[in-house]
Structures are given as structure tokens and as C-alpha cells.
Amino acid sequence: MAKSLEVTMLFDIYGGMLTQKQQDFISYYYDDDLSLAEIAENEGITRQGVRDAIKRAEAQLFVFEEQLGLQARLEKLREGMTEIRELCEVINEVNRRTVLSREINDSTARIDVLTRMLSE
């Protein structure tokens, strides 16, 4: 996974645990695509100061993930939900070819709705 995508995903989960200034710098850099020089000019500090603040914030995000593992758990959850939806499709196909049970159809449709809701 590209570092910028990983940082963005970790920021979505753990961003609230950073200082406001760190949140701002990460948001400017990754979300608003501002350069270090642009952020420095807007904030009235040096480019190096911005770079250091972003690097510290990134490091903290990775430490949070190492300690809490929420991103890894979320990814496993998404994978599991996808597999459940795929299995529902298989069950529906077998149901259509054999039994034609409305109860099976309704139950798999409900499972599909629930897994999509939980995956958001």
C-alpha cells in the first residue's frame, strides 16, 4: 500500500488523537495537497518545521496502529463482509436452481443489506 494512502487511512481512524496543529498539517498536506512551502507560508513557520511536524504526526499514527490495530481489524472486517455477500450469492443461486424457498431468498437479501450497512 502506498504510504500516502496508508497515512490517510490511519488519519481517518486516529486523527483525533493528534494535536490540532498536527491534524491541520496532515490535512493540508494529504487532503488539500498543499506543498510544504505553501503550508509553511500559510502557518508562518519554516518549511523544515512543517516537514518535521508532519513526520512526527505520521510516526504517531503508525504507533497508534501498532498498539491498537484498528486499521488491520477494519480491513479484516471488510474482507469478511465481502466473503459473506459472495456466499449469499452462491446460496441464492443454489436456491433458484433447486428449492426456490422464499424464506432463503428473504434471509440472504437481509444478510446482504446488513453486511453492506456494516461495511460503510
PDB file of N, CA and C in Angstrom:
ATOM      1  N   MET A   1       0.854  -1.176   0.000  1.00  0.00           N
ATOM      2  CA  MET A   1       0.000   0.000   0.000  1.00  0.00           C
ATOM      3  C   MET A   1       0.896   1.234   0.000  1.00  0.00           C
ATOM      4  N   ALA A   2       0.538   2.226  -0.820  1.00  0.00           N
ATOM      5  CA  ALA A   2       1.307   3.461  -0.885  1.00  0.00           C
ATOM      6  C   ALA A   2       1.231   4.183   0.457  1.00  0.00           C
ATOM      7  N   LYS A   3       2.350   4.794   0.834  1.00  0.00           N
ATOM      8  CA  LYS A   3       2.414   5.442   2.147  1.00  0.00           C
ATOM      9  C   LYS A   3       1.349   6.519   2.295  1.00  0.00           C
ATOM     10  N   SER A   4       1.111   7.308   1.256  1.00  0.00           N
ATOM     11  CA  SER A   4       0.124   8.387   1.381  1.00  0.00           C
ATOM     12  C   SER A   4      -1.271   7.835   1.631  1.00  0.00           C
ATOM     13  N   LEU A   5      -1.622   6.731   0.974  1.00  0.00           N
ATOM     14  CA  LEU A   5      -2.926   6.111   1.211  1.00  0.00           C
ATOM     15  C   LEU A   5      -2.998   5.554   2.621  1.00  0.00           C
ATOM     16  N   GLU A   6      -1.927   4.920   3.056  1.00  0.00           N
ATOM     17  CA  GLU A   6      -1.889   4.358   4.407  1.00  0.00           C
ATOM     18  C   GLU A   6      -2.009   5.449   5.463  1.00  0.00           C
ATOM     19  N   VAL A   7      -1.286   6.547   5.286  1.00  0.00           N
ATOM     20  CA  VAL A   7      -1.360   7.659   6.237  1.00  0.00           C
ATOM     21  C   VAL A   7      -2.777   8.229   6.258  1.00  0.00           C
ATOM     22  N   THR A   8      -3.376   8.389   5.087  1.00  0.00           N
ATOM     23  CA  THR A   8      -4.732   8.924   5.010  1.00  0.00           C
ATOM     24  C   THR A   8      -5.725   8.016   5.731  1.00  0.00           C
ATOM     25  N   MET A   9      -5.583   6.708   5.544  1.00  0.00           N
ATOM     26  CA  MET A   9      -6.478   5.767   6.212  1.00  0.00           C
ATOM     27  C   MET A   9      -6.272   5.800   7.728  1.00  0.00           C
ATOM     28  N   LEU A  10      -5.021   5.842   8.154  1.00  0.00           N
ATOM     29  CA  LEU A  10      -4.738   5.910   9.584  1.00  0.00           C
ATOM     30  C   LEU A  10      -5.225   7.230  10.171  1.00  0.00           C
ATOM     31  N   PHE A  11      -5.091   8.297   9.412  1.00  0.00           N
ATOM     32  CA  PHE A  11      -5.555   9.607   9.872  1.00  0.00           C
ATOM     33  C   PHE A  11      -7.070   9.603  10.072  1.00  0.00           C
ATOM     34  N   ASP A  12      -7.791   8.925   9.182  1.00  0.00           N
ATOM     35  CA  ASP A  12      -9.247   8.825   9.330  1.00  0.00           C
ATOM     36  C   ASP A  12      -9.622   8.155  10.655  1.00  0.00           C
ATOM     37  N   ILE A  13      -8.822   7.187  11.062  1.00  0.00           N
ATOM     38  CA  ILE A  13      -9.119   6.448  12.297  1.00  0.00           C
ATOM     39  C   ILE A  13      -8.577   7.156  13.532  1.00  0.00           C
ATOM     40  N   TYR A  14      -7.320   7.557  13.485  1.00  0.00           N
ATOM     41  CA  TYR A  14      -6.633   8.058  14.677  1.00  0.00           C
ATOM     42  C   TYR A  14      -6.393   9.565  14.687  1.00  0.00           C
ATOM     43  N   GLY A  15      -6.836  10.278  13.666  1.00  0.00           N
ATOM     44  CA  GLY A  15      -6.539  11.708  13.561  1.00  0.00           C
ATOM     45  C   GLY A  15      -6.924  12.507  14.788  1.00  0.00           C
ATOM     46  N   GLY A  16      -8.027  12.138  15.411  1.00  0.00           N
ATOM     47  CA  GLY A  16      -8.480  12.859  16.600  1.00  0.00           C
ATOM     48  C   GLY A  16      -7.548  12.736  17.788  1.00  0.00           C
ATOM     49  N   MET A  17      -6.604  11.797  17.714  1.00  0.00           N
ATOM     50  CA  MET A  17      -5.653  11.611  18.811  1.00  0.00           C
ATOM     51  C   MET A  17      -4.410  12.489  18.649  1.00  0.00           C
ATOM     52  N   LEU A  18      -4.297  13.155  17.499  1.00  0.00           N
ATOM     53  CA  LEU A  18      -3.180  14.069  17.260  1.00  0.00           C
ATOM     54  C   LEU A  18      -3.523  15.456  17.794  1.00  0.00           C
ATOM     55  N   THR A  19      -2.510  16.298  17.955  1.00  0.00           N
ATOM     56  CA  THR A  19      -2.774  17.681  18.336  1.00  0.00           C
ATOM     57  C   THR A  19      -3.491  18.376  17.178  1.00  0.00           C
ATOM     58  N   GLN A  20      -4.129  19.486  17.469  1.00  0.00           N
ATOM     59  CA  GLN A  20      -4.845  20.214  16.418  1.00  0.00           C
ATOM     60  C   GLN A  20      -3.897  20.639  15.308  1.00  0.00           C
ATOM     61  N   LYS A  21      -2.705  21.090  15.674  1.00  0.00           N
ATOM     62  CA  LYS A  21      -1.720  21.530  14.685  1.00  0.00           C
ATOM     63  C   LYS A  21      -1.301  20.359  13.796  1.00  0.00           C
ATOM     64  N   GLN A  22      -1.075  19.187  14.397  1.00  0.00           N
ATOM     65  CA  GLN A  22      -0.717  18.005  13.612  1.00  0.00           C
ATOM     66  C   GLN A  22      -1.855  17.622  12.666  1.00  0.00           C
ATOM     67  N   GLN A  23      -3.078  17.700  13.170  1.00  0.00           N
ATOM     68  CA  GLN A  23      -4.236  17.401  12.324  1.00  0.00           C
ATOM     69  C   GLN A  23      -4.288  18.351  11.134  1.00  0.00           C
ATOM     70  N   ASP A  24      -4.072  19.631  11.416  1.00  0.00           N
ATOM     71  CA  ASP A  24      -4.110  20.631  10.348  1.00  0.00           C
ATOM     72  C   ASP A  24      -3.044  20.355   9.302  1.00  0.00           C
ATOM     73  N   PHE A  25      -1.809  20.103   9.745  1.00  0.00           N
ATOM     74  CA  PHE A  25      -0.709  19.882   8.804  1.00  0.00           C
ATOM     75  C   PHE A  25      -0.938  18.638   7.958  1.00  0.00           C
ATOM     76  N   ILE A  26      -1.382  17.553   8.584  1.00  0.00           N
ATOM     77  CA  ILE A  26      -1.658  16.320   7.830  1.00  0.00           C
ATOM     78  C   ILE A  26      -2.777  16.571   6.822  1.00  0.00           C
ATOM     79  N   SER A  27      -3.811  17.263   7.252  1.00  0.00           N
ATOM     80  CA  SER A  27      -4.932  17.567   6.365  1.00  0.00           C
ATOM     81  C   SER A  27      -4.494  18.453   5.197  1.00  0.00           C
ATOM     82  N   TYR A  28      -3.728  19.491   5.478  1.00  0.00           N
ATOM     83  CA  TYR A  28      -3.238  20.364   4.410  1.00  0.00           C
ATOM     84  C   TYR A  28      -2.402  19.567   3.406  1.00  0.00           C
ATOM     85  N   TYR A  29      -1.526  18.729   3.928  1.00  0.00           N
ATOM     86  CA  TYR A  29      -0.573  18.021   3.074  1.00  0.00           C
ATOM     87  C   TYR A  29      -1.237  16.895   2.277  1.00  0.00           C
ATOM     88  N   TYR A  30      -2.032  16.067   2.941  1.00  0.00           N
ATOM     89  CA  TYR A  30      -2.600  14.897   2.274  1.00  0.00           C
ATOM     90  C   TYR A  30      -3.973  15.157   1.655  1.00  0.00           C
ATOM     91  N   ASP A  31      -4.821  15.909   2.326  1.00  0.00           N
ATOM     92  CA  ASP A  31      -6.173  16.132   1.807  1.00  0.00           C
ATOM     93  C   ASP A  31      -6.220  17.296   0.814  1.00  0.00           C
ATOM     94  N   ASP A  32      -5.574  18.401   1.180  1.00  0.00           N
ATOM     95  CA  ASP A  32      -5.615  19.599   0.342  1.00  0.00           C
ATOM     96  C   ASP A  32      -4.475  19.644  -0.673  1.00  0.00           C
ATOM     97  N   ASP A  33      -3.536  18.697  -0.563  1.00  0.00           N
ATOM     98  CA  ASP A  33      -2.401  18.576  -1.490  1.00  0.00           C
ATOM     99  C   ASP A  33      -1.552  19.850  -1.555  1.00  0.00           C
ATOM    100  N   LEU A  34      -1.394  20.512  -0.400  1.00  0.00           N
ATOM    101  CA  LEU A  34      -0.523  21.682  -0.338  1.00  0.00           C
ATOM    102  C   LEU A  34       0.925  21.224  -0.178  1.00  0.00           C
ATOM    103  N   SER A  35       1.837  21.983  -0.746  1.00  0.00           N
ATOM    104  CA  SER A  35       3.258  21.680  -0.588  1.00  0.00           C
ATOM    105  C   SER A  35       3.719  22.110   0.800  1.00  0.00           C
ATOM    106  N   LEU A  36       4.886  21.631   1.196  1.00  0.00           N
ATOM    107  CA  LEU A  36       5.462  22.037   2.480  1.00  0.00           C
ATOM    108  C   LEU A  36       5.655  23.549   2.512  1.00  0.00           C
ATOM    109  N   ALA A  37       6.114  24.107   1.391  1.00  0.00           N
ATOM    110  CA  ALA A  37       6.341  25.552   1.316  1.00  0.00           C
ATOM    111  C   ALA A  37       5.027  26.329   1.470  1.00  0.00           C
ATOM    112  N   GLU A  38       3.958  25.835   0.841  1.00  0.00           N
ATOM    113  CA  GLU A  38       2.666  26.515   0.955  1.00  0.00           C
ATOM    114  C   GLU A  38       2.136  26.480   2.389  1.00  0.00           C
ATOM    115  N   ILE A  39       2.270  25.328   3.021  1.00  0.00           N
ATOM    116  CA  ILE A  39       1.822  25.211   4.416  1.00  0.00           C
ATOM    117  C   ILE A  39       2.651  26.129   5.303  1.00  0.00           C
ATOM    118  N   ALA A  40       3.965  26.123   5.089  1.00  0.00           N
ATOM    119  CA  ALA A  40       4.860  26.976   5.890  1.00  0.00           C
ATOM    120  C   ALA A  40       4.482  28.442   5.753  1.00  0.00           C
ATOM    121  N   GLU A  41       4.215  28.862   4.531  1.00  0.00           N
ATOM    122  CA  GLU A  41       3.844  30.260   4.300  1.00  0.00           C
ATOM    123  C   GLU A  41       2.519  30.590   4.992  1.00  0.00           C
ATOM    124  N   ASN A  42       1.552  29.703   4.871  1.00  0.00           N
ATOM    125  CA  ASN A  42       0.241  29.928   5.494  1.00  0.00           C
ATOM    126  C   ASN A  42       0.312  29.943   7.019  1.00  0.00           C
ATOM    127  N   GLU A  43       1.213  29.132   7.577  1.00  0.00           N
ATOM    128  CA  GLU A  43       1.311  28.995   9.028  1.00  0.00           C
ATOM    129  C   GLU A  43       2.369  29.904   9.653  1.00  0.00           C
ATOM    130  N   GLY A  44       3.169  30.529   8.820  1.00  0.00           N
ATOM    131  CA  GLY A  44       4.191  31.439   9.328  1.00  0.00           C
ATOM    132  C   GLY A  44       5.359  30.732  10.003  1.00  0.00           C
ATOM    133  N   ILE A  45       5.687  29.528   9.528  1.00  0.00           N
ATOM    134  CA  ILE A  45       6.845  28.804  10.058  1.00  0.00           C
ATOM    135  C   ILE A  45       7.703  28.334   8.884  1.00  0.00           C
ATOM    136  N   THR A  46       8.815  27.703   9.196  1.00  0.00           N
ATOM    137  CA  THR A  46       9.704  27.258   8.130  1.00  0.00           C
ATOM    138  C   THR A  46       9.184  25.980   7.477  1.00  0.00           C
ATOM    139  N   ARG A  47       9.658  25.762   6.262  1.00  0.00           N
ATOM    140  CA  ARG A  47       9.323  24.539   5.535  1.00  0.00           C
ATOM    141  C   ARG A  47       9.792  23.326   6.328  1.00  0.00           C
ATOM    142  N   GLN A  48      10.975  23.423   6.908  1.00  0.00           N
ATOM    143  CA  GLN A  48      11.526  22.319   7.713  1.00  0.00           C
ATOM    144  C   GLN A  48      10.659  22.054   8.939  1.00  0.00           C
ATOM    145  N   GLY A  49      10.139  23.126   9.538  1.00  0.00           N
ATOM    146  CA  GLY A  49       9.248  22.961  10.687  1.00  0.00           C
ATOM    147  C   GLY A  49       7.985  22.202  10.316  1.00  0.00           C
ATOM    148  N   VAL A  50       7.449  22.504   9.150  1.00  0.00           N
ATOM    149  CA  VAL A  50       6.262  21.792   8.666  1.00  0.00           C
ATOM    150  C   VAL A  50       6.597  20.332   8.408  1.00  0.00           C
ATOM    151  N   ARG A  51       7.717  20.099   7.736  1.00  0.00           N
ATOM    152  CA  ARG A  51       8.129  18.730   7.431  1.00  0.00           C
ATOM    153  C   ARG A  51       8.295  17.916   8.712  1.00  0.00           C
ATOM    154  N   ASP A  52       8.972  18.483   9.693  1.00  0.00           N
ATOM    155  CA  ASP A  52       9.181  17.785  10.962  1.00  0.00           C
ATOM    156  C   ASP A  52       7.851  17.478  11.655  1.00  0.00           C
ATOM    157  N   ALA A  53       6.943  18.430  11.640  1.00  0.00           N
ATOM    158  CA  ALA A  53       5.642  18.227  12.285  1.00  0.00           C
ATOM    159  C   ALA A  53       4.858  17.120  11.588  1.00  0.00           C
ATOM    160  N   ILE A  54       4.901  17.098  10.274  1.00  0.00           N
ATOM    161  CA  ILE A  54       4.196  16.051   9.519  1.00  0.00           C
ATOM    162  C   ILE A  54       4.825  14.690   9.790  1.00  0.00           C
ATOM    163  N   LYS A  55       6.149  14.626   9.789  1.00  0.00           N
ATOM    164  CA  LYS A  55       6.834  13.350  10.047  1.00  0.00           C
ATOM    165  C   LYS A  55       6.516  12.829  11.455  1.00  0.00           C
ATOM    166  N   ARG A  56       6.487  13.717  12.433  1.00  0.00           N
ATOM    167  CA  ARG A  56       6.135  13.299  13.800  1.00  0.00           C
ATOM    168  C   ARG A  56       4.689  12.800  13.866  1.00  0.00           C
ATOM    169  N   ALA A  57       3.799  13.507  13.190  1.00  0.00           N
ATOM    170  CA  ALA A  57       2.386  13.098  13.181  1.00  0.00           C
ATOM    171  C   ALA A  57       2.230  11.739  12.488  1.00  0.00           C
ATOM    172  N   GLU A  58       2.902  11.555  11.371  1.00  0.00           N
ATOM    173  CA  GLU A  58       2.849  10.262  10.668  1.00  0.00           C
ATOM    174  C   GLU A  58       3.356   9.143  11.567  1.00  0.00           C
ATOM    175  N   ALA A  59       4.470   9.407  12.236  1.00  0.00           N
ATOM    176  CA  ALA A  59       5.039   8.388  13.132  1.00  0.00           C
ATOM    177  C   ALA A  59       4.050   8.033  14.233  1.00  0.00           C
ATOM    178  N   GLN A  60       3.382   9.042  14.777  1.00  0.00           N
ATOM    179  CA  GLN A  60       2.392   8.780  15.828  1.00  0.00           C
ATOM    180  C   GLN A  60       1.238   7.932  15.301  1.00  0.00           C
ATOM    181  N   LEU A  61       0.783   8.216  14.087  1.00  0.00           N
ATOM    182  CA  LEU A  61      -0.296   7.428  13.509  1.00  0.00           C
ATOM    183  C   LEU A  61       0.089   5.957  13.395  1.00  0.00           C
ATOM    184  N   PHE A  62       1.317   5.700  12.968  1.00  0.00           N
ATOM    185  CA  PHE A  62       1.789   4.315  12.843  1.00  0.00           C
ATOM    186  C   PHE A  62       1.936   3.645  14.213  1.00  0.00           C
ATOM    187  N   VAL A  63       2.346   4.411  15.219  1.00  0.00           N
ATOM    188  CA  VAL A  63       2.439   3.866  16.581  1.00  0.00           C
ATOM    189  C   VAL A  63       1.039   3.519  17.094  1.00  0.00           C
ATOM    190  N   PHE A  64       0.079   4.407  16.855  1.00  0.00           N
ATOM    191  CA  PHE A  64      -1.302   4.124  17.276  1.00  0.00           C
ATOM    192  C   PHE A  64      -1.793   2.820  16.643  1.00  0.00           C
ATOM    193  N   GLU A  65      -1.524   2.659  15.346  1.00  0.00           N
ATOM    194  CA  GLU A  65      -1.970   1.439  14.660  1.00  0.00           C
ATOM    195  C   GLU A  65      -1.248   0.212  15.210  1.00  0.00           C
ATOM    196  N   GLU A  66       0.036   0.351  15.468  1.00  0.00           N
ATOM    197  CA  GLU A  66       0.797  -0.775  16.025  1.00  0.00           C
ATOM    198  C   GLU A  66       0.239  -1.193  17.381  1.00  0.00           C
ATOM    199  N   GLN A  67      -0.132  -0.216  18.187  1.00  0.00           N
ATOM    200  CA  GLN A  67      -0.630  -0.508  19.529  1.00  0.00           C
ATOM    201  C   GLN A  67      -2.087  -0.960  19.550  1.00  0.00           C
ATOM    202  N   LEU A  68      -2.912  -0.361  18.697  1.00  0.00           N
ATOM    203  CA  LEU A  68      -4.355  -0.630  18.741  1.00  0.00           C
ATOM    204  C   LEU A  68      -4.848  -1.546  17.623  1.00  0.00           C
ATOM    205  N   GLY A  69      -4.213  -1.488  16.468  1.00  0.00           N
ATOM    206  CA  GLY A  69      -4.553  -2.374  15.362  1.00  0.00           C
ATOM    207  C   GLY A  69      -5.933  -2.193  14.764  1.00  0.00           C
ATOM    208  N   LEU A  70      -6.509  -1.009  14.877  1.00  0.00           N
ATOM    209  CA  LEU A  70      -7.866  -0.806  14.388  1.00  0.00           C
ATOM    210  C   LEU A  70      -7.963  -0.878  12.862  1.00  0.00           C
ATOM    211  N   GLN A  71      -6.970  -0.358  12.156  1.00  0.00           N
ATOM    212  CA  GLN A  71      -6.995  -0.415  10.694  1.00  0.00           C
ATOM    213  C   GLN A  71      -6.938  -1.864  10.218  1.00  0.00           C
ATOM    214  N   ALA A  72      -6.091  -2.660  10.825  1.00  0.00           N
ATOM    215  CA  ALA A  72      -5.986  -4.076  10.446  1.00  0.00           C
ATOM    216  C   ALA A  72      -7.296  -4.804  10.725  1.00  0.00           C
ATOM    217  N   ARG A  73      -7.910  -4.511  11.852  1.00  0.00           N
ATOM    218  CA  ARG A  73      -9.199  -5.138  12.183  1.00  0.00           C
ATOM    219  C   ARG A  73     -10.283  -4.713  11.212  1.00  0.00           C
ATOM    220  N   LEU A  74     -10.286  -3.441  10.856  1.00  0.00           N
ATOM    221  CA  LEU A  74     -11.276  -2.929   9.915  1.00  0.00           C
ATOM    222  C   LEU A  74     -11.125  -3.611   8.559  1.00  0.00           C
ATOM    223  N   GLU A  75      -9.905  -3.796   8.117  1.00  0.00           N
ATOM    224  CA  GLU A  75      -9.674  -4.466   6.837  1.00  0.00           C
ATOM    225  C   GLU A  75     -10.154  -5.916   6.877  1.00  0.00           C
ATOM    226  N   LYS A  76      -9.891  -6.619   7.968  1.00  0.00           N
ATOM    227  CA  LYS A  76     -10.384  -7.996   8.107  1.00  0.00           C
ATOM    228  C   LYS A  76     -11.906  -8.033   8.111  1.00  0.00           C
ATOM    229  N   LEU A  77     -12.511  -7.061   8.768  1.00  0.00           N
ATOM    230  CA  LEU A  77     -13.966  -6.979   8.806  1.00  0.00           C
ATOM    231  C   LEU A  77     -14.524  -6.775   7.399  1.00  0.00           C
ATOM    232  N   ARG A  78     -13.924  -5.865   6.634  1.00  0.00           N
ATOM    233  CA  ARG A  78     -14.375  -5.622   5.262  1.00  0.00           C
ATOM    234  C   ARG A  78     -14.234  -6.881   4.408  1.00  0.00           C
ATOM    235  N   GLU A  79     -13.111  -7.568   4.545  1.00  0.00           N
ATOM    236  CA  GLU A  79     -12.905  -8.800   3.788  1.00  0.00           C
ATOM    237  C   GLU A  79     -13.948  -9.852   4.155  1.00  0.00           C
ATOM    238  N   GLY A  80     -14.237  -9.973   5.444  1.00  0.00           N
ATOM    239  CA  GLY A  80     -15.235 -10.931   5.900  1.00  0.00           C
ATOM    240  C   GLY A  80     -16.619 -10.591   5.384  1.00  0.00           C
ATOM    241  N   MET A  81     -16.964  -9.317   5.381  1.00  0.00           N
ATOM    242  CA  MET A  81     -18.267  -8.894   4.880  1.00  0.00           C
ATOM    243  C   MET A  81     -18.393  -9.185   3.385  1.00  0.00           C
ATOM    244  N   THR A  82     -17.330  -8.966   2.644  1.00  0.00           N
ATOM    245  CA  THR A  82     -17.337  -9.271   1.217  1.00  0.00           C
ATOM    246  C   THR A  82     -17.536 -10.763   0.990  1.00  0.00           C
ATOM    247  N   GLU A  83     -16.839 -11.581   1.757  1.00  0.00           N
ATOM    248  CA  GLU A  83     -16.985 -13.029   1.621  1.00  0.00           C
ATOM    249  C   GLU A  83     -18.403 -13.477   1.979  1.00  0.00           C
ATOM    250  N   ILE A  84     -18.987 -12.896   3.001  1.00  0.00           N
ATOM    251  CA  ILE A  84     -20.361 -13.238   3.388  1.00  0.00           C
ATOM    252  C   ILE A  84     -21.324 -12.906   2.241  1.00  0.00           C
ATOM    253  N   ARG A  85     -21.156 -11.724   1.620  1.00  0.00           N
ATOM    254  CA  ARG A  85     -22.020 -11.355   0.494  1.00  0.00           C
ATOM    255  C   ARG A  85     -21.854 -12.324  -0.672  1.00  0.00           C
ATOM    256  N   GLU A  86     -20.618 -12.730  -0.942  1.00  0.00           N
ATOM    257  CA  GLU A  86     -20.375 -13.691  -2.022  1.00  0.00           C
ATOM    258  C   GLU A  86     -21.028 -15.033  -1.722  1.00  0.00           C
ATOM    259  N   LEU A  87     -20.956 -15.468  -0.480  1.00  0.00           N
ATOM    260  CA  LEU A  87     -21.595 -16.731  -0.098  1.00  0.00           C
ATOM    261  C   LEU A  87     -23.118 -16.632  -0.198  1.00  0.00           C
ATOM    262  N   CYS A  88     -23.668 -15.474   0.116  1.00  0.00           N
ATOM    263  CA  CYS A  88     -25.115 -15.268  -0.048  1.00  0.00           C
ATOM    264  C   CYS A  88     -25.516 -15.417  -1.516  1.00  0.00           C
ATOM    265  N   GLU A  89     -24.689 -14.903  -2.402  1.00  0.00           N
ATOM    266  CA  GLU A  89     -24.971 -15.048  -3.833  1.00  0.00           C
ATOM    267  C   GLU A  89     -24.972 -16.522  -4.236  1.00  0.00           C
ATOM    268  N   VAL A  90     -24.023 -17.283  -3.711  1.00  0.00           N
ATOM    269  CA  VAL A  90     -23.969 -18.722  -4.001  1.00  0.00           C
ATOM    270  C   VAL A  90     -25.230 -19.408  -3.470  1.00  0.00           C
ATOM    271  N   ILE A  91     -25.614 -19.097  -2.256  1.00  0.00           N
ATOM    272  CA  ILE A  91     -26.813 -19.693  -1.655  1.00  0.00           C
ATOM    273  C   ILE A  91     -28.049 -19.345  -2.490  1.00  0.00           C
ATOM    274  N   ASN A  92     -28.140 -18.092  -2.920  1.00  0.00           N
ATOM    275  CA  ASN A  92     -29.280 -17.683  -3.753  1.00  0.00           C
ATOM    276  C   ASN A  92     -29.310 -18.436  -5.082  1.00  0.00           C
ATOM    277  N   GLU A  93     -28.161 -18.612  -5.680  1.00  0.00           N
ATOM    278  CA  GLU A  93     -28.097 -19.340  -6.954  1.00  0.00           C
ATOM    279  C   GLU A  93     -28.537 -20.793  -6.771  1.00  0.00           C
ATOM    280  N   VAL A  94     -28.056 -21.435  -5.724  1.00  0.00           N
ATOM    281  CA  VAL A  94     -28.470 -22.811  -5.437  1.00  0.00           C
ATOM    282  C   VAL A  94     -29.973 -22.846  -5.150  1.00  0.00           C
ATOM    283  N   ASN A  95     -30.457 -21.875  -4.406  1.00  0.00           N
ATOM    284  CA  ASN A  95     -31.885 -21.799  -4.091  1.00  0.00           C
ATOM    285  C   ASN A  95     -32.710 -21.674  -5.379  1.00  0.00           C
ATOM    286  N   ARG A  96     -32.273 -20.835  -6.315  1.00  0.00           N
ATOM    287  CA  ARG A  96     -33.002 -20.658  -7.573  1.00  0.00           C
ATOM    288  C   ARG A  96     -33.028 -21.944  -8.401  1.00  0.00           C
ATOM    289  N   ARG A  97     -31.928 -22.705  -8.371  1.00  0.00           N
ATOM    290  CA  ARG A  97     -31.840 -23.925  -9.175  1.00  0.00           C
ATOM    291  C   ARG A  97     -32.539 -25.116  -8.542  1.00  0.00           C
ATOM    292  N   THR A  98     -32.793 -25.058  -7.225  1.00  0.00           N
ATOM    293  CA  THR A  98     -33.326 -26.238  -6.551  1.00  0.00           C
ATOM    294  C   THR A  98     -34.637 -25.970  -5.823  1.00  0.00           C
ATOM    295  N   VAL A  99     -34.565 -25.438  -4.657  1.00  0.00           N
ATOM    296  CA  VAL A  99     -35.696 -25.367  -3.738  1.00  0.00           C
ATOM    297  C   VAL A  99     -36.673 -24.235  -4.040  1.00  0.00           C
ATOM    298  N   LEU A 100     -36.178 -23.091  -4.446  1.00  0.00           N
ATOM    299  CA  LEU A 100     -36.971 -21.879  -4.630  1.00  0.00           C
ATOM    300  C   LEU A 100     -37.707 -21.465  -3.358  1.00  0.00           C
ATOM    301  N   SER A 101     -36.962 -21.422  -2.284  1.00  0.00           N
ATOM    302  CA  SER A 101     -37.531 -21.044  -0.993  1.00  0.00           C
ATOM    303  C   SER A 101     -37.532 -19.529  -0.848  1.00  0.00           C
ATOM    304  N   ARG A 102     -38.701 -18.968  -0.614  1.00  0.00           N
ATOM    305  CA  ARG A 102     -38.811 -17.527  -0.376  1.00  0.00           C
ATOM    306  C   ARG A 102     -38.099 -17.144   0.920  1.00  0.00           C
ATOM    307  N   GLU A 103     -38.163 -18.006   1.918  1.00  0.00           N
ATOM    308  CA  GLU A 103     -37.511 -17.747   3.200  1.00  0.00           C
ATOM    309  C   GLU A 103     -35.991 -17.635   3.032  1.00  0.00           C
ATOM    310  N   ILE A 104     -35.402 -18.517   2.235  1.00  0.00           N
ATOM    311  CA  ILE A 104     -33.957 -18.443   1.975  1.00  0.00           C
ATOM    312  C   ILE A 104     -33.645 -17.153   1.223  1.00  0.00           C
ATOM    313  N   ASN A 105     -34.435 -16.852   0.225  1.00  0.00           N
ATOM    314  CA  ASN A 105     -34.232 -15.637  -0.552  1.00  0.00           C
ATOM    315  C   ASN A 105     -34.308 -14.390   0.332  1.00  0.00           C
ATOM    316  N   ASP A 106     -35.340 -14.307   1.169  1.00  0.00           N
ATOM    317  CA  ASP A 106     -35.509 -13.154   2.056  1.00  0.00           C
ATOM    318  C   ASP A 106     -34.364 -13.050   3.072  1.00  0.00           C
ATOM    319  N   SER A 107     -33.951 -14.200   3.594  1.00  0.00           N
ATOM    320  CA  SER A 107     -32.869 -14.195   4.587  1.00  0.00           C
ATOM    321  C   SER A 107     -31.544 -13.757   3.978  1.00  0.00           C
ATOM    322  N   THR A 108     -31.219 -14.252   2.790  1.00  0.00           N
ATOM    323  CA  THR A 108     -29.954 -13.849   2.163  1.00  0.00           C
ATOM    324  C   THR A 108     -29.997 -12.386   1.732  1.00  0.00           C
ATOM    325  N   ALA A 109     -31.168 -11.913   1.332  1.00  0.00           N
ATOM    326  CA  ALA A 109     -31.300 -10.488   0.990  1.00  0.00           C
ATOM    327  C   ALA A 109     -31.063  -9.631   2.227  1.00  0.00           C
ATOM    328  N   ARG A 110     -31.590 -10.057   3.357  1.00  0.00           N
ATOM    329  CA  ARG A 110     -31.390  -9.316   4.614  1.00  0.00           C
ATOM    330  C   ARG A 110     -29.918  -9.347   5.028  1.00  0.00           C
ATOM    331  N   ILE A 111     -29.283 -10.498   4.884  1.00  0.00           N
ATOM    332  CA  ILE A 111     -27.852 -10.601   5.196  1.00  0.00           C
ATOM    333  C   ILE A 111     -27.057  -9.648   4.313  1.00  0.00           C
ATOM    334  N   ASP A 112     -27.400  -9.585   3.047  1.00  0.00           N
ATOM    335  CA  ASP A 112     -26.717  -8.691   2.114  1.00  0.00           C
ATOM    336  C   ASP A 112     -26.860  -7.235   2.564  1.00  0.00           C
ATOM    337  N   VAL A 113     -28.068  -6.830   2.913  1.00  0.00           N
ATOM    338  CA  VAL A 113     -28.306  -5.452   3.367  1.00  0.00           C
ATOM    339  C   VAL A 113     -27.492  -5.155   4.631  1.00  0.00           C
ATOM    340  N   LEU A 114     -27.497  -6.084   5.575  1.00  0.00           N
ATOM    341  CA  LEU A 114     -26.772  -5.878   6.829  1.00  0.00           C
ATOM    342  C   LEU A 114     -25.263  -5.789   6.606  1.00  0.00           C
ATOM    343  N   THR A 115     -24.716  -6.657   5.765  1.00  0.00           N
ATOM    344  CA  THR A 115     -23.268  -6.617   5.532  1.00  0.00           C
ATOM    345  C   THR A 115     -22.864  -5.339   4.812  1.00  0.00           C
ATOM    346  N   ARG A 116     -23.683  -4.860   3.910  1.00  0.00           N
ATOM    347  CA  ARG A 116     -23.365  -3.592   3.229  1.00  0.00           C
ATOM    348  C   ARG A 116     -23.418  -2.426   4.221  1.00  0.00           C
ATOM    349  N   MET A 117     -24.412  -2.447   5.099  1.00  0.00           N
ATOM    350  CA  MET A 117     -24.543  -1.395   6.103  1.00  0.00           C
ATOM    351  C   MET A 117     -23.337  -1.416   7.048  1.00  0.00           C
ATOM    352  N   LEU A 118     -22.924  -2.593   7.475  1.00  0.00           N
ATOM    353  CA  LEU A 118     -21.800  -2.711   8.406  1.00  0.00           C
ATOM    354  C   LEU A 118     -20.459  -2.402   7.741  1.00  0.00           C
ATOM    355  N   SER A 119     -20.391  -2.490   6.428  1.00  0.00           N
ATOM    356  CA  SER A 119     -19.147  -2.220   5.706  1.00  0.00           C
ATOM    357  C   SER A 119     -18.922  -0.752   5.439  1.00  0.00           C
ATOM    358  N   GLU A 120     -19.950   0.063   5.625  1.00  0.00           N
ATOM    359  CA  GLU A 120     -19.812   1.509   5.340  1.00  0.00           C
ATOM    360  C   GLU A 120     -18.982   2.204   6.378  1.00  0.00           C
TER     361      GLU A 120
END
